[in-house]
Every structure is written in structure tokens, then in C-alpha cells.
Amino acid sequence: MTETVTPDGAGVLHAEGETCATLTPLLRARMRELESGAVLEVHTEDPSARVDIAAWSRLTGHELLSAIELGAQHTCFYLRKK
């Protein structure tokens, strides 16, 4: 999902340099810290994150609100905790 929506995040995860193998556990841990309905802002440079984060959100039930490309390699995701 790609939109220009930039909701105010309750938390930010700077995951630049992380790959899918380490990004997923970081997402899980950070989401556990948030209250239901809170939005997590995730910054990553992993090119496969677009697919990986979308799949992870479907599997976990968290809502992917938007994915915004901030450059050739940098993407910002907004996820709402279920």
C-alpha cells in the first residue's frame, strides 16, 4: 500500500541497516510496547521490506497504513497496532 498519509506515530523504529531476519523481531518487540490502536513509524533501507512488512502485518493483524518512499533506498512505514 502506498499513500501520502503520514499519521502521527506513537513510536518510531529506526531500522536502517536491518534485514528481514532482524527487522521482524524488532517490529514484534516494538509493537508489544504500544497500546492497541497506536501507530508505529518504521524507517528502513531494506529493499525487500515493502513485501516483508506488508506480509508481516497481514500475518499479525496489524494494519499497514502507508508506505512512503523517501529516496531510492529509504522507506517509511506506518503500522497501526491491532
PDB file of N, CA and C in Angstrom:
ATOM      1  N   MET A   1       0.861  -1.169   0.000  1.00  0.00           N
ATOM      2  CA  MET A   1       0.000   0.000   0.000  1.00  0.00           C
ATOM      3  C   MET A   1       0.907   1.231   0.000  1.00  0.00           C
ATOM      4  N   THR A   2       0.689   2.148  -0.873  1.00  0.00           N
ATOM      5  CA  THR A   2       1.459   3.380  -0.899  1.00  0.00           C
ATOM      6  C   THR A   2       0.491   4.555  -0.857  1.00  0.00           C
ATOM      7  N   GLU A   3       0.656   5.395   0.124  1.00  0.00           N
ATOM      8  CA  GLU A   3      -0.188   6.573   0.273  1.00  0.00           C
ATOM      9  C   GLU A   3       0.671   7.728   0.733  1.00  0.00           C
ATOM     10  N   THR A   4       0.082   8.907   0.755  1.00  0.00           N
ATOM     11  CA  THR A   4       0.800  10.064   1.272  1.00  0.00           C
ATOM     12  C   THR A   4       0.392  10.366   2.705  1.00  0.00           C
ATOM     13  N   VAL A   5      -0.398   9.491   3.305  1.00  0.00           N
ATOM     14  CA  VAL A   5      -0.836   9.665   4.685  1.00  0.00           C
ATOM     15  C   VAL A   5       0.368   9.507   5.608  1.00  0.00           C
ATOM     16  N   THR A   6       0.562  10.465   6.499  1.00  0.00           N
ATOM     17  CA  THR A   6       1.630  10.371   7.489  1.00  0.00           C
ATOM     18  C   THR A   6       1.041  10.597   8.871  1.00  0.00           C
ATOM     19  N   PRO A   7       0.445   9.560   9.454  1.00  0.00           N
ATOM     20  CA  PRO A   7      -0.150   9.708  10.783  1.00  0.00           C
ATOM     21  C   PRO A   7       0.923   9.962  11.832  1.00  0.00           C
ATOM     22  N   ASP A   8       0.530  10.608  12.888  1.00  0.00           N
ATOM     23  CA  ASP A   8       1.456  10.838  13.995  1.00  0.00           C
ATOM     24  C   ASP A   8       1.732   9.502  14.674  1.00  0.00           C
ATOM     25  N   GLY A   9       2.978   9.125  14.710  1.00  0.00           N
ATOM     26  CA  GLY A   9       3.345   7.850  15.303  1.00  0.00           C
ATOM     27  C   GLY A   9       3.496   7.940  16.805  1.00  0.00           C
ATOM     28  N   ALA A  10       3.063   6.890  17.491  1.00  0.00           N
ATOM     29  CA  ALA A  10       3.244   6.815  18.939  1.00  0.00           C
ATOM     30  C   ALA A  10       4.659   6.358  19.247  1.00  0.00           C
ATOM     31  N   GLY A  11       5.293   5.746  18.252  1.00  0.00           N
ATOM     32  CA  GLY A  11       6.653   5.274  18.424  1.00  0.00           C
ATOM     33  C   GLY A  11       7.363   5.263  17.087  1.00  0.00           C
ATOM     34  N   VAL A  12       8.669   5.254  17.127  1.00  0.00           N
ATOM     35  CA  VAL A  12       9.477   5.231  15.914  1.00  0.00           C
ATOM     36  C   VAL A  12      10.499   4.111  16.038  1.00  0.00           C
ATOM     37  N   LEU A  13      10.648   3.342  14.975  1.00  0.00           N
ATOM     38  CA  LEU A  13      11.658   2.303  14.901  1.00  0.00           C
ATOM     39  C   LEU A  13      12.597   2.644  13.759  1.00  0.00           C
ATOM     40  N   HIS A  14      13.825   2.988  14.094  1.00  0.00           N
ATOM     41  CA  HIS A  14      14.843   3.262  13.080  1.00  0.00           C
ATOM     42  C   HIS A  14      15.558   1.946  12.811  1.00  0.00           C
ATOM     43  N   ALA A  15      15.229   1.323  11.682  1.00  0.00           N
ATOM     44  CA  ALA A  15      15.768   0.005  11.358  1.00  0.00           C
ATOM     45  C   ALA A  15      16.656   0.052  10.124  1.00  0.00           C
ATOM     46  N   GLU A  16      17.306   1.184   9.910  1.00  0.00           N
ATOM     47  CA  GLU A  16      18.232   1.284   8.798  1.00  0.00           C
ATOM     48  C   GLU A  16      19.352   0.274   9.014  1.00  0.00           C
ATOM     49  N   GLY A  17      19.707  -0.437   7.952  1.00  0.00           N
ATOM     50  CA  GLY A  17      20.754  -1.439   8.041  1.00  0.00           C
ATOM     51  C   GLY A  17      20.260  -2.816   8.451  1.00  0.00           C
ATOM     52  N   GLU A  18      18.999  -2.925   8.850  1.00  0.00           N
ATOM     53  CA  GLU A  18      18.443  -4.221   9.255  1.00  0.00           C
ATOM     54  C   GLU A  18      17.893  -4.951   8.032  1.00  0.00           C
ATOM     55  N   THR A  19      17.913  -6.287   8.075  1.00  0.00           N
ATOM     56  CA  THR A  19      17.328  -7.106   7.022  1.00  0.00           C
ATOM     57  C   THR A  19      16.098  -7.801   7.582  1.00  0.00           C
ATOM     58  N   CYS A  20      15.418  -8.548   6.738  1.00  0.00           N
ATOM     59  CA  CYS A  20      14.194  -9.226   7.168  1.00  0.00           C
ATOM     60  C   CYS A  20      14.423 -10.087   8.409  1.00  0.00           C
ATOM     61  N   ALA A  21      15.545 -10.764   8.462  1.00  0.00           N
ATOM     62  CA  ALA A  21      15.840 -11.657   9.586  1.00  0.00           C
ATOM     63  C   ALA A  21      15.884 -10.922  10.924  1.00  0.00           C
ATOM     64  N   THR A  22      16.299  -9.676  10.911  1.00  0.00           N
ATOM     65  CA  THR A  22      16.375  -8.908  12.159  1.00  0.00           C
ATOM     66  C   THR A  22      15.255  -7.887  12.274  1.00  0.00           C
ATOM     67  N   LEU A  23      14.677  -7.487  11.155  1.00  0.00           N
ATOM     68  CA  LEU A  23      13.609  -6.485  11.171  1.00  0.00           C
ATOM     69  C   LEU A  23      12.338  -7.021  11.825  1.00  0.00           C
ATOM     70  N   THR A  24      11.969  -8.251  11.494  1.00  0.00           N
ATOM     71  CA  THR A  24      10.739  -8.836  12.045  1.00  0.00           C
ATOM     72  C   THR A  24      10.762  -8.916  13.570  1.00  0.00           C
ATOM     73  N   PRO A  25      11.821  -9.430  14.189  1.00  0.00           N
ATOM     74  CA  PRO A  25      11.850  -9.434  15.658  1.00  0.00           C
ATOM     75  C   PRO A  25      11.827  -8.029  16.262  1.00  0.00           C
ATOM     76  N   LEU A  26      12.475  -7.079  15.596  1.00  0.00           N
ATOM     77  CA  LEU A  26      12.444  -5.695  16.082  1.00  0.00           C
ATOM     78  C   LEU A  26      11.028  -5.129  16.021  1.00  0.00           C
ATOM     79  N   LEU A  27      10.323  -5.390  14.915  1.00  0.00           N
ATOM     80  CA  LEU A  27       8.926  -4.936  14.780  1.00  0.00           C
ATOM     81  C   LEU A  27       8.059  -5.541  15.883  1.00  0.00           C
ATOM     82  N   ARG A  28       8.187  -6.840  16.075  1.00  0.00           N
ATOM     83  CA  ARG A  28       7.376  -7.531  17.083  1.00  0.00           C
ATOM     84  C   ARG A  28       7.614  -6.933  18.464  1.00  0.00           C
ATOM     85  N   ALA A  29       8.870  -6.750  18.812  1.00  0.00           N
ATOM     86  CA  ALA A  29       9.202  -6.215  20.134  1.00  0.00           C
ATOM     87  C   ALA A  29       8.680  -4.794  20.321  1.00  0.00           C
ATOM     88  N   ARG A  30       8.835  -3.974  19.308  1.00  0.00           N
ATOM     89  CA  ARG A  30       8.390  -2.563  19.400  1.00  0.00           C
ATOM     90  C   ARG A  30       6.875  -2.481  19.479  1.00  0.00           C
ATOM     91  N   MET A  31       6.162  -3.327  18.708  1.00  0.00           N
ATOM     92  CA  MET A  31       4.696  -3.312  18.735  1.00  0.00           C
ATOM     93  C   MET A  31       4.161  -3.728  20.093  1.00  0.00           C
ATOM     94  N   ARG A  32       4.857  -4.640  20.760  1.00  0.00           N
ATOM     95  CA  ARG A  32       4.422  -5.084  22.097  1.00  0.00           C
ATOM     96  C   ARG A  32       4.429  -3.940  23.102  1.00  0.00           C
ATOM     97  N   GLU A  33       5.284  -2.950  22.871  1.00  0.00           N
ATOM     98  CA  GLU A  33       5.388  -1.812  23.786  1.00  0.00           C
ATOM     99  C   GLU A  33       4.236  -0.818  23.621  1.00  0.00           C
ATOM    100  N   LEU A  34       3.525  -0.888  22.485  1.00  0.00           N
ATOM    101  CA  LEU A  34       2.485   0.095  22.174  1.00  0.00           C
ATOM    102  C   LEU A  34       1.115  -0.372  22.620  1.00  0.00           C
ATOM    103  N   GLU A  35       0.230   0.577  22.832  1.00  0.00           N
ATOM    104  CA  GLU A  35      -1.161   0.284  23.158  1.00  0.00           C
ATOM    105  C   GLU A  35      -1.920  -0.025  21.883  1.00  0.00           C
ATOM    106  N   SER A  36      -3.020  -0.733  21.995  1.00  0.00           N
ATOM    107  CA  SER A  36      -3.856  -1.046  20.843  1.00  0.00           C
ATOM    108  C   SER A  36      -4.312   0.243  20.157  1.00  0.00           C
ATOM    109  N   GLY A  37      -4.194   0.292  18.843  1.00  0.00           N
ATOM    110  CA  GLY A  37      -4.591   1.473  18.079  1.00  0.00           C
ATOM    111  C   GLY A  37      -3.469   2.467  17.860  1.00  0.00           C
ATOM    112  N   ALA A  38      -2.350   2.296  18.561  1.00  0.00           N
ATOM    113  CA  ALA A  38      -1.212   3.204  18.397  1.00  0.00           C
ATOM    114  C   ALA A  38      -0.525   2.939  17.057  1.00  0.00           C
ATOM    115  N   VAL A  39       0.151   3.958  16.555  1.00  0.00           N
ATOM    116  CA  VAL A  39       0.820   3.866  15.258  1.00  0.00           C
ATOM    117  C   VAL A  39       2.336   3.853  15.457  1.00  0.00           C
ATOM    118  N   LEU A  40       2.969   2.888  14.798  1.00  0.00           N
ATOM    119  CA  LEU A  40       4.431   2.777  14.815  1.00  0.00           C
ATOM    120  C   LEU A  40       4.973   3.250  13.471  1.00  0.00           C
ATOM    121  N   GLU A  41       5.942   4.150  13.518  1.00  0.00           N
ATOM    122  CA  GLU A  41       6.623   4.647  12.321  1.00  0.00           C
ATOM    123  C   GLU A  41       7.925   3.860  12.188  1.00  0.00           C
ATOM    124  N   VAL A  42       8.133   3.232  11.034  1.00  0.00           N
ATOM    125  CA  VAL A  42       9.303   2.380  10.816  1.00  0.00           C
ATOM    126  C   VAL A  42      10.113   2.927   9.643  1.00  0.00           C
ATOM    127  N   HIS A  43      11.404   3.150   9.868  1.00  0.00           N
ATOM    128  CA  HIS A  43      12.313   3.609   8.813  1.00  0.00           C
ATOM    129  C   HIS A  43      13.266   2.475   8.475  1.00  0.00           C
ATOM    130  N   THR A  44      13.375   2.152   7.186  1.00  0.00           N
ATOM    131  CA  THR A  44      14.264   1.080   6.764  1.00  0.00           C
ATOM    132  C   THR A  44      14.852   1.356   5.395  1.00  0.00           C
ATOM    133  N   GLU A  45      15.982   0.722   5.137  1.00  0.00           N
ATOM    134  CA  GLU A  45      16.643   0.816   3.832  1.00  0.00           C
ATOM    135  C   GLU A  45      16.628  -0.532   3.119  1.00  0.00           C
ATOM    136  N   ASP A  46      16.008  -1.540   3.706  1.00  0.00           N
ATOM    137  CA  ASP A  46      15.966  -2.877   3.114  1.00  0.00           C
ATOM    138  C   ASP A  46      15.009  -2.872   1.924  1.00  0.00           C
ATOM    139  N   PRO A  47      15.491  -3.188   0.710  1.00  0.00           N
ATOM    140  CA  PRO A  47      14.619  -3.156  -0.466  1.00  0.00           C
ATOM    141  C   PRO A  47      13.487  -4.185  -0.407  1.00  0.00           C
ATOM    142  N   SER A  48      13.655  -5.264   0.336  1.00  0.00           N
ATOM    143  CA  SER A  48      12.590  -6.263   0.431  1.00  0.00           C
ATOM    144  C   SER A  48      11.575  -5.932   1.523  1.00  0.00           C
ATOM    145  N   ALA A  49      11.799  -4.859   2.264  1.00  0.00           N
ATOM    146  CA  ALA A  49      10.901  -4.502   3.375  1.00  0.00           C
ATOM    147  C   ALA A  49       9.484  -4.219   2.903  1.00  0.00           C
ATOM    148  N   ARG A  50       9.327  -3.666   1.693  1.00  0.00           N
ATOM    149  CA  ARG A  50       7.976  -3.399   1.180  1.00  0.00           C
ATOM    150  C   ARG A  50       7.127  -4.657   1.196  1.00  0.00           C
ATOM    151  N   VAL A  51       7.680  -5.738   0.721  1.00  0.00           N
ATOM    152  CA  VAL A  51       6.966  -7.016   0.686  1.00  0.00           C
ATOM    153  C   VAL A  51       6.924  -7.635   2.076  1.00  0.00           C
ATOM    154  N   ASP A  52       8.052  -7.621   2.771  1.00  0.00           N
ATOM    155  CA  ASP A  52       8.152  -8.272   4.078  1.00  0.00           C
ATOM    156  C   ASP A  52       7.240  -7.640   5.127  1.00  0.00           C
ATOM    157  N   ILE A  53       7.218  -6.328   5.200  1.00  0.00           N
ATOM    158  CA  ILE A  53       6.388  -5.652   6.213  1.00  0.00           C
ATOM    159  C   ILE A  53       4.909  -5.808   5.894  1.00  0.00           C
ATOM    160  N   ALA A  54       4.551  -5.752   4.617  1.00  0.00           N
ATOM    161  CA  ALA A  54       3.151  -5.968   4.235  1.00  0.00           C
ATOM    162  C   ALA A  54       2.704  -7.374   4.615  1.00  0.00           C
ATOM    163  N   ALA A  55       3.533  -8.378   4.344  1.00  0.00           N
ATOM    164  CA  ALA A  55       3.200  -9.763   4.700  1.00  0.00           C
ATOM    165  C   ALA A  55       3.132  -9.933   6.212  1.00  0.00           C
ATOM    166  N   TRP A  56       4.096  -9.343   6.925  1.00  0.00           N
ATOM    167  CA  TRP A  56       4.115  -9.437   8.383  1.00  0.00           C
ATOM    168  C   TRP A  56       2.850  -8.828   8.988  1.00  0.00           C
ATOM    169  N   SER A  57       2.424  -7.688   8.460  1.00  0.00           N
ATOM    170  CA  SER A  57       1.226  -7.039   9.010  1.00  0.00           C
ATOM    171  C   SER A  57      -0.025  -7.878   8.749  1.00  0.00           C
ATOM    172  N   ARG A  58      -0.108  -8.506   7.587  1.00  0.00           N
ATOM    173  CA  ARG A  58      -1.253  -9.389   7.316  1.00  0.00           C
ATOM    174  C   ARG A  58      -1.255 -10.584   8.262  1.00  0.00           C
ATOM    175  N   LEU A  59      -0.094 -11.170   8.495  1.00  0.00           N
ATOM    176  CA  LEU A  59       0.000 -12.346   9.369  1.00  0.00           C
ATOM    177  C   LEU A  59      -0.287 -12.022  10.825  1.00  0.00           C
ATOM    178  N   THR A  60       0.082 -10.836  11.271  1.00  0.00           N
ATOM    179  CA  THR A  60      -0.080 -10.481  12.682  1.00  0.00           C
ATOM    180  C   THR A  60      -1.371  -9.735  12.981  1.00  0.00           C
ATOM    181  N   GLY A  61      -2.030  -9.217  11.948  1.00  0.00           N
ATOM    182  CA  GLY A  61      -3.271  -8.482  12.154  1.00  0.00           C
ATOM    183  C   GLY A  61      -3.094  -6.993  12.372  1.00  0.00           C
ATOM    184  N   HIS A  62      -1.853  -6.517  12.355  1.00  0.00           N
ATOM    185  CA  HIS A  62      -1.600  -5.084  12.460  1.00  0.00           C
ATOM    186  C   HIS A  62      -1.859  -4.454  11.092  1.00  0.00           C
ATOM    187  N   GLU A  63      -2.352  -3.227  11.079  1.00  0.00           N
ATOM    188  CA  GLU A  63      -2.734  -2.567   9.826  1.00  0.00           C
ATOM    189  C   GLU A  63      -1.590  -1.727   9.266  1.00  0.00           C
ATOM    190  N   LEU A  64      -1.235  -2.012   8.019  1.00  0.00           N
ATOM    191  CA  LEU A  64      -0.254  -1.188   7.323  1.00  0.00           C
ATOM    192  C   LEU A  64      -0.997   0.018   6.766  1.00  0.00           C
ATOM    193  N   LEU A  65      -0.782   1.179   7.359  1.00  0.00           N
ATOM    194  CA  LEU A  65      -1.490   2.392   6.955  1.00  0.00           C
ATOM    195  C   LEU A  65      -0.891   3.009   5.699  1.00  0.00           C
ATOM    196  N   SER A  66       0.435   3.050   5.627  1.00  0.00           N
ATOM    197  CA  SER A  66       1.084   3.615   4.445  1.00  0.00           C
ATOM    198  C   SER A  66       2.545   3.216   4.391  1.00  0.00           C
ATOM    199  N   ALA A  67       3.066   3.281   3.169  1.00  0.00           N
ATOM    200  CA  ALA A  67       4.490   3.053   2.908  1.00  0.00           C
ATOM    201  C   ALA A  67       4.922   4.193   2.001  1.00  0.00           C
ATOM    202  N   ILE A  68       5.865   4.976   2.475  1.00  0.00           N
ATOM    203  CA  ILE A  68       6.277   6.177   1.743  1.00  0.00           C
ATOM    204  C   ILE A  68       7.753   6.070   1.408  1.00  0.00           C
ATOM    205  N   GLU A  69       8.061   6.125   0.131  1.00  0.00           N
ATOM    206  CA  GLU A  69       9.456   6.094  -0.296  1.00  0.00           C
ATOM    207  C   GLU A  69      10.063   7.473  -0.098  1.00  0.00           C
ATOM    208  N   LEU A  70      11.155   7.519   0.658  1.00  0.00           N
ATOM    209  CA  LEU A  70      11.821   8.781   0.965  1.00  0.00           C
ATOM    210  C   LEU A  70      13.103   8.951   0.165  1.00  0.00           C
ATOM    211  N   GLY A  71      13.360   8.024  -0.714  1.00  0.00           N
ATOM    212  CA  GLY A  71      14.560   8.049  -1.543  1.00  0.00           C
ATOM    213  C   GLY A  71      14.677   6.731  -2.260  1.00  0.00           C
ATOM    214  N   ALA A  72      15.753   6.556  -2.986  1.00  0.00           N
ATOM    215  CA  ALA A  72      15.931   5.335  -3.758  1.00  0.00           C
ATOM    216  C   ALA A  72      15.960   4.092  -2.875  1.00  0.00           C
ATOM    217  N   GLN A  73      16.501   4.185  -1.680  1.00  0.00           N
ATOM    218  CA  GLN A  73      16.647   3.028  -0.800  1.00  0.00           C
ATOM    219  C   GLN A  73      15.923   3.155   0.533  1.00  0.00           C
ATOM    220  N   HIS A  74      15.336   4.289   0.831  1.00  0.00           N
ATOM    221  CA  HIS A  74      14.755   4.541   2.157  1.00  0.00           C
ATOM    222  C   HIS A  74      13.230   4.563   2.085  1.00  0.00           C
ATOM    223  N   THR A  75      12.589   3.774   2.948  1.00  0.00           N
ATOM    224  CA  THR A  75      11.129   3.728   3.006  1.00  0.00           C
ATOM    225  C   THR A  75      10.673   3.927   4.446  1.00  0.00           C
ATOM    226  N   CYS A  76       9.575   4.645   4.602  1.00  0.00           N
ATOM    227  CA  CYS A  76       8.965   4.863   5.908  1.00  0.00           C
ATOM    228  C   CYS A  76       7.592   4.179   5.906  1.00  0.00           C
ATOM    229  N   PHE A  77       7.352   3.345   6.888  1.00  0.00           N
ATOM    230  CA  PHE A  77       6.090   2.623   7.016  1.00  0.00           C
ATOM    231  C   PHE A  77       5.360   3.110   8.258  1.00  0.00           C
ATOM    232  N   TYR A  78       4.039   3.113   8.183  1.00  0.00           N
ATOM    233  CA  TYR A  78       3.203   3.414   9.332  1.00  0.00           C
ATOM    234  C   TYR A  78       2.305   2.219   9.579  1.00  0.00           C
ATOM    235  N   LEU A  79       2.407   1.635  10.775  1.00  0.00           N
ATOM    236  CA  LEU A  79       1.633   0.459  11.149  1.00  0.00           C
ATOM    237  C   LEU A  79       0.791   0.758  12.375  1.00  0.00           C
ATOM    238  N   ARG A  80      -0.490   0.392  12.324  1.00  0.00           N
ATOM    239  CA  ARG A  80      -1.378   0.565  13.476  1.00  0.00           C
ATOM    240  C   ARG A  80      -1.501  -0.772  14.213  1.00  0.00           C
ATOM    241  N   LYS A  81      -1.258  -0.745  15.511  1.00  0.00           N
ATOM    242  CA  LYS A  81      -1.356  -1.965  16.313  1.00  0.00           C
ATOM    243  C   LYS A  81      -2.804  -2.386  16.458  1.00  0.00           C
ATOM    244  N   LYS A  82      -3.035  -3.681  16.328  1.00  0.00           N
ATOM    245  CA  LYS A  82      -4.421  -4.201  16.444  1.00  0.00           C
ATOM    246  C   LYS A  82      -4.924  -4.123  17.861  1.00  0.00           C
TER     247      LYS A  82
END
